[in-house]
Amino acid sequence: MGMMTVRNIPDEVHDALRARARKHDRSTEAEVRSILADAVRPRDRLRMGDALAALGREIGLTEEDVDMIEQARDTSPAEPVHLE
């Protein structure tokens, strides 16, 4: 995991962070991690799995279709590339 040090945080911001952390019953550091995670990974972001499932429903993909795809899939090991 990465580490980060943030310097020169104004006292009123630090106090607000501590108060917010107390409100959520966690440490100030945990509160800052939560704020950062929410900022870069919003809850309403597009999730690939959800998008693919919606696409499958939209085109009418069935379990039988998935079974056919899995049966037709080549599961043999790939041959190494020869560069000669």
Protein backbone atom coordinates (compact mmCIF):
# COMPACT_ATOMS: atom_id res chain seq x y z
CA MET A 1 0.00 0.00 0.00
CA GLY A 2 1.10 3.51 -0.69
CA MET A 3 1.87 6.07 1.96
CA MET A 4 1.32 9.80 1.84
CA THR A 5 2.18 12.73 4.06
CA VAL A 6 0.17 15.92 3.76
CA ARG A 7 1.84 18.99 5.23
CA ASN A 8 0.54 22.46 6.11
CA ILE A 9 -3.09 21.52 6.67
CA PRO A 10 -4.84 24.58 8.11
CA ASP A 11 -5.89 24.13 11.74
CA GLU A 12 -9.58 24.59 10.92
CA VAL A 13 -9.40 21.83 8.28
CA HIS A 14 -7.60 19.49 10.67
CA ASP A 15 -10.16 20.22 13.39
CA ALA A 16 -13.01 19.56 10.95
CA LEU A 17 -11.43 16.26 9.92
CA ARG A 18 -11.08 15.18 13.54
CA ALA A 19 -14.71 16.11 14.24
CA ARG A 20 -15.90 14.26 11.14
CA ALA A 21 -13.85 11.19 12.16
CA ARG A 22 -15.40 11.24 15.64
CA LYS A 23 -18.86 11.46 14.06
CA HIS A 24 -18.09 8.31 12.02
CA ASP A 25 -16.44 6.58 14.99
CA ARG A 26 -13.03 6.16 13.35
CA SER A 27 -9.56 7.66 13.48
CA THR A 28 -8.70 10.85 11.62
CA GLU A 29 -6.40 8.84 9.35
CA ALA A 30 -9.22 6.39 8.52
CA GLU A 31 -11.52 9.33 7.82
CA VAL A 32 -9.02 10.86 5.40
CA ARG A 33 -8.66 7.48 3.63
CA SER A 34 -12.44 7.28 3.29
CA ILE A 35 -12.67 10.82 1.91
CA LEU A 36 -9.91 10.13 -0.62
CA ALA A 37 -11.48 6.83 -1.72
CA ASP A 38 -14.88 8.50 -2.20
CA ALA A 39 -13.26 11.29 -4.20
CA VAL A 40 -11.49 9.03 -6.68
CA ARG A 41 -13.97 6.14 -6.76
CA PRO A 42 -17.45 7.66 -6.65
CA ARG A 43 -20.27 5.30 -5.72
CA ASP A 44 -22.13 6.03 -8.97
CA ARG A 45 -19.20 5.04 -11.21
CA LEU A 46 -19.73 2.57 -14.00
CA ARG A 47 -18.79 -0.92 -12.89
CA MET A 48 -17.64 -3.16 -15.72
CA GLY A 49 -19.35 -6.30 -14.39
CA ASP A 50 -22.67 -4.48 -14.00
CA ALA A 51 -22.34 -3.02 -17.50
CA LEU A 52 -21.62 -6.43 -19.03
CA ALA A 53 -24.52 -8.05 -17.16
CA ALA A 54 -26.86 -5.29 -18.37
CA LEU A 55 -25.62 -5.77 -21.94
CA GLY A 56 -26.26 -9.52 -21.68
CA ARG A 57 -29.80 -8.89 -20.45
CA GLU A 58 -30.37 -6.30 -23.17
CA ILE A 59 -29.41 -8.68 -25.99
CA GLY A 60 -31.22 -11.61 -24.38
CA LEU A 61 -28.20 -13.76 -23.48
CA THR A 62 -29.31 -16.93 -21.69
CA GLU A 63 -27.55 -19.51 -19.55
CA GLU A 64 -27.75 -21.91 -22.50
CA ASP A 65 -25.86 -19.36 -24.62
CA VAL A 66 -23.15 -19.10 -21.98
CA ASP A 67 -22.90 -22.90 -21.79
CA MET A 68 -22.48 -23.11 -25.58
CA ILE A 69 -19.74 -20.47 -25.52
CA GLU A 70 -17.88 -22.31 -22.76
CA GLN A 71 -18.16 -25.65 -24.62
CA ALA A 72 -16.85 -24.10 -27.86
CA ARG A 73 -13.96 -22.34 -26.16
CA ASP A 74 -10.51 -23.72 -26.90
CA THR A 75 -8.96 -24.65 -23.55
CA SER A 76 -5.76 -26.17 -24.93
CA PRO A 77 -2.55 -24.50 -23.81
CA ALA A 78 -1.18 -21.83 -26.11
CA GLU A 79 1.85 -22.71 -28.21
CA PRO A 80 4.96 -20.64 -27.49
CA VAL A 81 6.03 -18.17 -30.15
CA HIS A 82 9.04 -19.24 -32.25
CA LEU A 83 11.06 -16.25 -33.44
CA GLU A 84 13.34 -18.09 -35.85
